[in-house]
C-alpha cells in the first residue's frame, strides 16, 4: 500500500494482503471497524445511536458522491 500525502485531493482504492486489525489515517487517528458491533443489541459498549449516526453519515457521503458523478456525466445504477 502506498502512502498518500494528507493534502492529496484524491482517494485511492487499495487491497491489503492480510486484513488489518486497525489502521492509522491522516492526523494519526487510530481506527478500527466497529460499525457492526455498534448496532448489535447485546453489545456491551455498543450504542444504536452511534450505529444510526454512522449509517446517516455514510448515506450523506454516498449521495454527495452520486451528485458529483452525475455532474460529470455518469449515471448511477442502483
Protein backbone atom coordinates (compact mmCIF):
# COMPACT_ATOMS: atom_id res chain seq x y z
CA UNK A 1 0.00 0.00 0.00
CA UNK A 2 1.35 3.42 -0.93
CA UNK A 3 1.31 6.38 1.43
CA UNK A 4 -0.82 9.25 0.13
CA UNK A 5 0.09 12.78 1.26
CA UNK A 6 -2.53 14.35 3.52
CA UNK A 7 -3.06 17.30 1.14
CA UNK A 8 -3.85 14.96 -1.76
CA UNK A 9 -7.26 15.65 -3.35
CA UNK A 10 -7.92 12.07 -4.39
CA UNK A 11 -8.78 8.85 -2.59
CA UNK A 12 -7.14 5.64 -3.72
CA UNK A 13 -8.66 2.17 -3.54
CA UNK A 14 -6.12 -0.32 -2.19
CA UNK A 15 -6.12 -4.00 -1.32
CA UNK A 16 -4.14 -5.48 1.56
CA UNK A 17 -2.71 -8.98 1.59
CA UNK A 18 -3.96 -9.53 5.15
CA UNK A 19 -6.87 -7.91 6.94
CA UNK A 20 -5.52 -5.31 9.37
CA UNK A 21 -6.82 -5.26 12.94
CA UNK A 22 -6.52 -1.46 12.95
CA UNK A 23 -5.03 1.26 10.79
CA UNK A 24 -3.88 4.85 11.06
CA UNK A 25 -5.46 7.61 8.98
CA UNK A 26 -4.48 11.22 8.36
CA UNK A 27 -3.72 13.11 11.53
CA UNK A 28 -2.64 9.96 13.37
CA UNK A 29 -6.14 8.76 14.25
CA UNK A 30 -6.17 5.04 15.02
CA UNK A 31 -9.37 3.44 13.77
CA UNK A 32 -10.92 0.01 13.68
CA UNK A 33 -14.11 -1.23 12.11
CA UNK A 34 -16.63 -1.43 14.95
CA UNK A 35 -19.68 -0.25 12.97
CA UNK A 36 -21.47 -3.60 13.02
CA UNK A 37 -20.81 -4.06 16.71
CA UNK A 38 -22.39 -0.68 17.49
CA UNK A 39 -25.74 -1.91 16.18
CA UNK A 40 -25.62 -5.33 17.87
CA UNK A 41 -28.36 -5.31 20.52
CA UNK A 42 -26.36 -7.40 23.05
CA UNK A 43 -23.15 -5.38 22.66
CA UNK A 44 -21.51 -4.40 25.95
CA UNK A 45 -20.41 -0.98 24.78
CA UNK A 46 -22.35 -0.58 21.54
CA UNK A 47 -24.87 2.19 21.10
CA UNK A 48 -27.61 2.13 18.49
CA UNK A 49 -27.31 5.91 18.19
CA UNK A 50 -23.67 5.55 17.08
CA UNK A 51 -24.72 2.91 14.55
CA UNK A 52 -27.50 5.16 13.22
CA UNK A 53 -25.17 8.17 13.03
CA UNK A 54 -22.57 6.17 11.08
CA UNK A 55 -25.26 4.99 8.66
CA UNK A 56 -26.60 8.52 8.18
CA UNK A 57 -23.12 9.94 7.54
CA UNK A 58 -22.34 7.17 5.06
CA UNK A 59 -25.63 7.77 3.25
CA UNK A 60 -24.88 11.51 3.03
CA UNK A 61 -21.39 10.87 1.61
CA UNK A 62 -22.78 8.44 -0.97
CA UNK A 63 -25.39 10.98 -2.07
CA UNK A 64 -22.70 13.65 -2.42
CA UNK A 65 -20.52 11.28 -4.46
CA UNK A 66 -23.54 10.44 -6.64
CA UNK A 67 -24.19 14.14 -7.28
CA UNK A 68 -20.56 14.74 -8.27
CA UNK A 69 -20.51 11.69 -10.56
CA UNK A 70 -23.77 12.69 -12.23
CA UNK A 71 -22.49 16.24 -12.75
CA UNK A 72 -19.58 14.67 -14.67
CA UNK A 73 -21.96 12.75 -16.96
CA UNK A 74 -22.04 9.39 -15.17
CA UNK A 75 -25.26 7.51 -14.40
CA UNK A 76 -25.90 5.94 -11.01
CA UNK A 77 -27.08 2.32 -11.10
CA UNK A 78 -28.81 1.00 -8.01
